[in-house]
Amino acid sequence: MKKKLTFFGVVLVALFMVYLAAFGIKTSKIKIYGAPDMRFGIDIRGGVEAIFQPVGISEKPTLEQLEAARAIMETRLDQRNITDREVTVESTEGYIIVRFPWKANETEFDPAKAIDELGETAKLTFRDSAGNVLLDGEHVLNAKPAKDENNRDVVSLVFDEEGTKIFSNITKKLIGQNLSIFMDEENICTATVQTQITNGQAIITNMQNHDYAKKLADQINSGALPFSMATKTYSTISPSLGTGSLKVMLNAGLIAYIIICILLIGYYRLPGFVASIALTIQIAGQILALSIPQM
């Protein structure tokens, strides 16, 4: 009896995973994305090409500066789960080329709107109450939402070696005073320095909720560039394969799946049926692993 219950339980799990993979679940509280919500690659659906050029500097940026900007832009794309992308440094001209695909639910292919996904491209600075720049955002290695020891939402900051030394001196002088974070000339956050921070790891408290903390962390990450970046030009990229190729691949995969299941069940009977269920769970799991991060 237990074996039968276990067997039917596994079948129900397989059916549920297939449903999730095919349709997903979207309610006011739960959002699980399925295959239709996947962000297809540039070769399947096309996308956007944008050229970013440094602004606010008198000289052409060095290769090291451009590479630092490229790394941060890739981190920004990773945070938005845009994995099929190209970020290329053109050191001769001193700009960065970014190519990435359209969102799954994109119906109006507007390159200018799509570029907004990359977040702010302004320069990040830390300033005192008088407006003096004390630290550049290029020294921020990472910013992310987190929880403190009291389970309250905060933003965690990590600085590089030079930034750690500068930030230690800043926090030593400004204990009890305000320290603000600016995106160009826009104040995005003001916090009161509680103590000197010497280990290069700081937290920003008094976050309204997790979403607020995540938004601030994303802004800090996107602005942690050695210089400001402005979009020079942008254009639409046509797919090299297209949706027709995707349909062919999907049909081929479905036919192969059916043939394998028929052969397994026809030759091994019940063990073959069990193997087919395992194969179904594996395929559904792989689809969910690709589609769920699209949120």
Protein backbone atom coordinates (compact mmCIF):
# COMPACT_ATOMS: atom_id res chain seq x y z
CA MET A 1 0.00 0.00 0.00
CA LYS A 2 2.82 2.38 0.92
CA LYS A 3 4.59 1.64 -2.36
CA LYS A 4 1.42 2.50 -4.31
CA LEU A 5 0.98 5.76 -2.38
CA THR A 6 4.62 6.65 -3.01
CA PHE A 7 4.28 5.84 -6.69
CA PHE A 8 1.15 7.98 -7.14
CA GLY A 9 2.77 10.75 -5.09
CA VAL A 10 5.74 10.83 -7.48
CA VAL A 11 3.37 10.90 -10.46
CA LEU A 12 1.51 13.87 -8.96
CA VAL A 13 4.80 15.67 -8.32
CA ALA A 14 5.83 15.07 -11.94
CA LEU A 15 2.50 16.40 -13.24
CA PHE A 16 2.73 19.46 -10.98
CA MET A 17 6.26 20.21 -12.16
CA VAL A 18 5.18 19.87 -15.79
CA TYR A 19 2.33 22.32 -15.15
CA LEU A 20 4.70 24.80 -13.49
CA ALA A 21 7.21 24.49 -16.31
CA ALA A 22 4.53 24.98 -18.95
CA PHE A 23 2.44 27.75 -17.37
CA GLY A 24 3.98 28.92 -14.10
CA ILE A 25 1.95 30.38 -11.24
CA LYS A 26 1.26 34.09 -10.80
CA THR A 27 -0.78 35.32 -7.86
CA SER A 28 -0.62 38.40 -5.67
CA LYS A 29 1.67 36.57 -3.23
CA ILE A 30 3.39 33.87 -5.30
CA LYS A 31 5.11 34.19 -8.64
CA ILE A 32 6.72 31.16 -10.25
CA TYR A 33 7.68 31.74 -13.86
CA GLY A 34 7.32 29.06 -16.53
CA ALA A 35 8.71 28.52 -20.02
CA PRO A 36 6.69 31.37 -21.64
CA ASP A 37 8.45 33.85 -19.33
CA MET A 38 11.96 32.86 -20.39
CA ARG A 39 14.18 35.55 -21.84
CA PHE A 40 15.27 33.96 -25.12
CA GLY A 41 18.70 34.66 -26.52
CA ILE A 42 19.59 37.32 -29.05
CA ASP A 43 19.87 34.69 -31.78
CA ILE A 44 16.25 33.60 -31.24
CA ARG A 45 14.39 36.85 -30.59
CA GLY A 46 16.82 39.67 -31.22
CA GLY A 47 17.66 42.41 -28.79
CA VAL A 48 19.41 45.70 -28.23
CA GLU A 49 22.90 47.02 -28.93
CA ALA A 50 23.96 50.07 -26.93
CA ILE A 51 27.24 51.95 -26.97
CA PHE A 52 28.18 53.55 -23.65
CA GLN A 53 30.72 56.35 -23.60
CA PRO A 54 32.43 57.80 -20.49
CA VAL A 55 31.47 61.37 -19.65
CA GLY A 56 32.74 63.81 -17.09
CA ILE A 57 36.42 63.10 -17.75
CA SER A 58 38.82 65.20 -19.82
CA GLU A 59 41.05 62.37 -21.01
CA LYS A 60 40.31 59.09 -22.73
CA PRO A 61 39.83 56.38 -20.10
CA THR A 62 42.53 53.78 -19.67
CA LEU A 63 42.02 50.12 -20.51
CA GLU A 64 42.01 49.31 -16.79
CA GLN A 65 39.22 51.84 -16.16
CA LEU A 66 37.16 50.49 -19.04
CA GLU A 67 37.65 46.93 -17.82
CA ALA A 68 36.47 47.99 -14.35
CA ALA A 69 33.38 49.57 -15.91
CA ARG A 70 32.77 46.46 -18.01
CA ALA A 71 32.95 44.21 -14.93
CA ILE A 72 30.43 46.35 -13.07
CA MET A 73 28.08 46.44 -16.07
CA GLU A 74 28.23 42.64 -16.27
CA THR A 75 27.42 42.46 -12.56
CA ARG A 76 24.46 44.77 -13.19
CA LEU A 77 23.24 42.46 -15.96
CA ASP A 78 23.73 39.40 -13.71
CA GLN A 79 21.54 41.02 -11.06
CA ARG A 80 18.78 41.23 -13.64
CA ASN A 81 19.36 37.61 -14.69
CA ILE A 82 20.42 38.68 -18.19
CA THR A 83 22.94 35.92 -18.85
CA ASP A 84 22.85 35.83 -22.65
CA ARG A 85 24.66 39.07 -23.33
CA GLU A 86 27.86 40.55 -24.76
CA VAL A 87 29.82 43.33 -23.06
CA THR A 88 32.79 44.42 -25.16
CA VAL A 89 35.43 47.04 -24.43
CA GLU A 90 36.58 49.16 -27.38
CA SER A 91 39.80 50.53 -25.95
CA THR A 92 40.83 52.42 -29.11
CA GLU A 93 37.75 54.65 -29.05
CA GLY A 94 37.23 54.43 -25.31
CA TYR A 95 33.68 53.08 -25.08
CA ILE A 96 31.77 49.93 -24.10
CA ILE A 97 29.38 47.98 -26.36
CA VAL A 98 26.54 46.10 -24.65
CA ARG A 99 24.27 43.63 -26.44
CA PHE A 100 21.40 41.85 -24.66
CA PRO A 101 18.07 40.19 -25.62
CA TRP A 102 14.53 41.49 -25.25
CA LYS A 103 12.48 40.56 -22.19
CA ALA A 104 10.09 37.62 -22.59
CA ASN A 105 6.96 39.80 -22.37
CA GLU A 106 8.32 42.56 -24.60
CA THR A 107 5.78 43.51 -27.27
CA GLU A 108 6.97 46.97 -28.24
CA PHE A 109 10.61 46.66 -29.24
CA ASP A 110 11.82 50.03 -27.98
CA PRO A 111 15.62 50.10 -27.53
CA ALA A 112 15.53 53.23 -25.35
CA LYS A 113 13.10 51.58 -22.94
CA ALA A 114 15.09 48.34 -22.89
CA ILE A 115 18.28 50.20 -21.94
CA ASP A 116 16.54 51.31 -18.73
CA GLU A 117 17.06 47.72 -17.53
CA LEU A 118 20.74 48.49 -17.14
CA GLY A 119 19.89 50.90 -14.35
CA GLU A 120 21.45 54.23 -13.56
CA THR A 121 24.70 55.02 -15.35
CA ALA A 122 25.69 58.01 -13.25
CA LYS A 123 28.78 58.33 -11.08
CA LEU A 124 28.44 57.39 -7.42
CA THR A 125 30.01 59.51 -4.68
CA PHE A 126 29.95 59.64 -0.88
CA ARG A 127 29.66 63.18 0.50
CA ASP A 128 29.51 64.96 3.85
CA SER A 129 26.76 67.37 4.91
CA ALA A 130 28.59 70.24 3.21
CA GLY A 131 28.54 68.44 -0.12
CA ASN A 132 32.24 67.63 -0.24
CA VAL A 133 33.11 64.43 -2.14
CA LEU A 134 34.89 62.08 0.28
CA LEU A 135 34.87 58.77 -1.61
CA ASP A 136 34.18 57.66 -5.20
CA GLY A 137 31.86 54.76 -5.96
CA GLU A 138 34.59 52.93 -7.87
CA HIS A 139 35.88 51.71 -4.49
CA VAL A 140 32.61 49.84 -3.79
CA LEU A 141 33.11 46.17 -4.60
CA ASN A 142 29.56 45.08 -3.88
CA ALA A 143 26.25 46.26 -2.42
CA LYS A 144 23.39 43.90 -1.60
CA PRO A 145 20.23 43.74 0.54
CA ALA A 146 20.69 41.81 3.78
CA LYS A 147 19.33 41.32 7.30
CA ASP A 148 20.94 42.56 10.51
CA GLU A 149 21.08 40.66 13.80
CA ASN A 150 17.54 41.83 14.59
CA ASN A 151 16.24 40.57 11.22
CA ARG A 152 15.76 44.11 9.91
CA ASP A 153 16.36 45.01 6.27
CA VAL A 154 19.69 46.71 5.58
CA VAL A 155 22.06 47.30 2.67
CA SER A 156 25.47 45.69 3.02
CA LEU A 157 28.49 47.45 1.46
CA VAL A 158 31.95 46.02 0.78
CA PHE A 159 34.86 48.29 -0.22
CA ASP A 160 38.15 47.50 -1.93
CA GLU A 161 41.49 47.88 -0.16
CA GLU A 162 41.94 51.57 -0.89
CA GLY A 163 38.27 52.29 -0.22
CA THR A 164 38.53 50.53 3.15
CA LYS A 165 41.29 52.93 4.26
CA ILE A 166 39.46 56.02 3.01
CA PHE A 167 36.14 54.93 4.51
CA SER A 168 37.84 54.25 7.86
CA ASN A 169 39.12 57.82 7.97
CA ILE A 170 35.75 59.20 6.87
CA THR A 171 33.77 57.34 9.52
CA LYS A 172 36.30 58.30 12.21
CA LYS A 173 35.77 62.01 11.48
CA LEU A 174 32.01 61.87 10.92
CA ILE A 175 30.81 59.91 13.98
CA GLY A 176 27.37 61.29 14.83
CA GLN A 177 27.16 63.17 11.52
CA ASN A 178 25.46 62.44 8.21
CA LEU A 179 27.10 60.73 5.23
CA SER A 180 25.20 60.89 1.94
CA ILE A 181 25.40 58.82 -1.24
CA PHE A 182 24.91 60.74 -4.48
CA MET A 183 24.18 59.53 -8.00
CA ASP A 184 25.67 62.45 -9.92
CA GLU A 185 23.89 65.33 -8.15
CA GLU A 186 20.95 63.29 -6.86
CA ASN A 187 21.00 62.29 -3.21
CA ILE A 188 19.82 58.67 -3.09
CA CYS A 189 20.58 57.96 0.56
CA THR A 190 21.65 59.74 3.77
CA ALA A 191 22.79 57.81 6.84
CA THR A 192 24.23 58.77 10.23
CA VAL A 193 27.70 57.42 11.02
CA GLN A 194 27.47 55.45 14.26
CA THR A 195 31.08 54.34 14.68
CA GLN A 196 34.40 54.10 12.86
CA ILE A 197 34.38 51.26 10.31
CA THR A 198 37.83 49.80 9.73
CA ASN A 199 37.13 46.43 8.05
CA GLY A 200 35.68 47.75 4.78
CA GLN A 201 32.23 46.28 5.46
CA ALA A 202 29.40 48.67 6.29
CA ILE A 203 25.62 48.47 6.53
CA ILE A 204 22.97 51.09 5.83
CA THR A 205 20.04 50.74 8.21
CA ASN A 206 16.47 52.11 8.40
CA MET A 207 15.37 50.46 5.17
CA GLN A 208 11.58 50.50 4.70
CA ASN A 209 11.44 46.92 3.41
CA HIS A 210 13.40 44.38 1.36
CA ASP A 211 12.35 45.91 -1.98
CA TYR A 212 13.57 49.33 -0.88
CA ALA A 213 16.90 47.84 0.25
CA LYS A 214 17.29 45.96 -3.04
CA LYS A 215 16.56 49.07 -5.10
CA LEU A 216 19.17 51.08 -3.19
CA ALA A 217 21.72 48.26 -3.49
CA ASP A 218 21.11 48.05 -7.26
CA GLN A 219 21.56 51.81 -7.59
CA ILE A 220 24.84 51.68 -5.68
CA ASN A 221 26.12 48.78 -7.78
CA SER A 222 25.09 50.41 -11.04
CA GLY A 223 26.75 53.68 -10.07
CA ALA A 224 29.98 52.18 -8.79
CA LEU A 225 31.84 53.12 -11.97
CA PRO A 226 35.17 54.91 -12.30
CA PHE A 227 33.30 57.58 -14.30
CA SER A 228 29.82 58.42 -15.53
CA MET A 229 28.53 56.48 -18.54
CA ALA A 230 26.16 57.88 -21.14
CA THR A 231 24.46 56.07 -24.02
CA LYS A 232 26.09 57.26 -27.22
CA THR A 233 23.92 55.29 -29.65
CA TYR A 234 21.58 52.32 -29.50
CA SER A 235 19.88 50.11 -32.06
CA THR A 236 17.80 46.97 -32.50
CA ILE A 237 19.52 43.64 -33.22
CA SER A 238 17.73 41.22 -35.54
CA PRO A 239 17.69 37.52 -34.55
CA SER A 240 20.17 35.34 -36.43
CA LEU A 241 17.98 32.23 -36.13
CA GLY A 242 14.48 33.42 -35.22
CA THR A 243 11.42 31.89 -33.57
CA GLY A 244 11.05 29.41 -36.44
CA SER A 245 14.28 27.71 -35.40
CA LEU A 246 13.06 27.63 -31.80
CA LYS A 247 9.86 25.85 -32.84
CA VAL A 248 11.85 23.31 -34.84
CA MET A 249 14.08 22.59 -31.85
CA LEU A 250 11.11 22.30 -29.49
CA ASN A 251 9.29 19.93 -31.84
CA ALA A 252 12.43 17.82 -32.25
CA GLY A 253 12.87 17.65 -28.48
CA LEU A 254 9.22 16.69 -27.93
CA ILE A 255 9.38 13.94 -30.58
CA ALA A 256 12.60 12.58 -29.08
CA TYR A 257 11.04 12.60 -25.59
CA ILE A 258 7.96 10.68 -26.80
CA ILE A 259 10.04 8.10 -28.68
CA ILE A 260 12.29 7.51 -25.65
CA CYS A 261 9.28 7.06 -23.35
CA ILE A 262 7.61 4.63 -25.77
CA LEU A 263 10.79 2.56 -26.07
CA LEU A 264 11.34 2.51 -22.30
CA ILE A 265 7.78 1.50 -21.49
CA GLY A 266 7.52 -0.96 -24.39
CA TYR A 267 10.73 -2.79 -23.46
CA TYR A 268 10.91 -2.49 -19.66
CA ARG A 269 7.19 -2.14 -18.82
CA LEU A 270 6.77 -0.80 -15.27
CA PRO A 271 10.48 0.06 -14.72
CA GLY A 272 10.38 1.86 -18.06
CA PHE A 273 7.32 3.84 -16.93
CA VAL A 274 9.15 4.83 -13.75
CA ALA A 275 12.18 5.87 -15.81
CA SER A 276 9.88 7.97 -18.04
CA ILE A 277 8.53 9.75 -14.96
CA ALA A 278 12.08 10.45 -13.80
CA LEU A 279 12.93 11.82 -17.24
CA THR A 280 9.84 14.05 -17.13
CA ILE A 281 10.81 15.43 -13.72
CA GLN A 282 14.34 16.10 -14.94
CA ILE A 283 13.16 18.00 -18.04
CA ALA A 284 10.60 20.02 -16.07
CA GLY A 285 13.22 20.81 -13.44
CA GLN A 286 15.67 22.06 -16.07
CA ILE A 287 13.01 24.32 -17.59
CA LEU A 288 12.13 25.74 -14.17
CA ALA A 289 15.81 26.30 -13.39
CA LEU A 290 15.98 28.52 -16.47
CA SER A 291 12.60 30.25 -16.16
CA ILE A 292 12.31 30.95 -12.40
CA PRO A 293 15.31 33.36 -12.30
CA GLN A 294 13.50 35.59 -14.82
CA MET A 295 11.60 37.19 -11.91
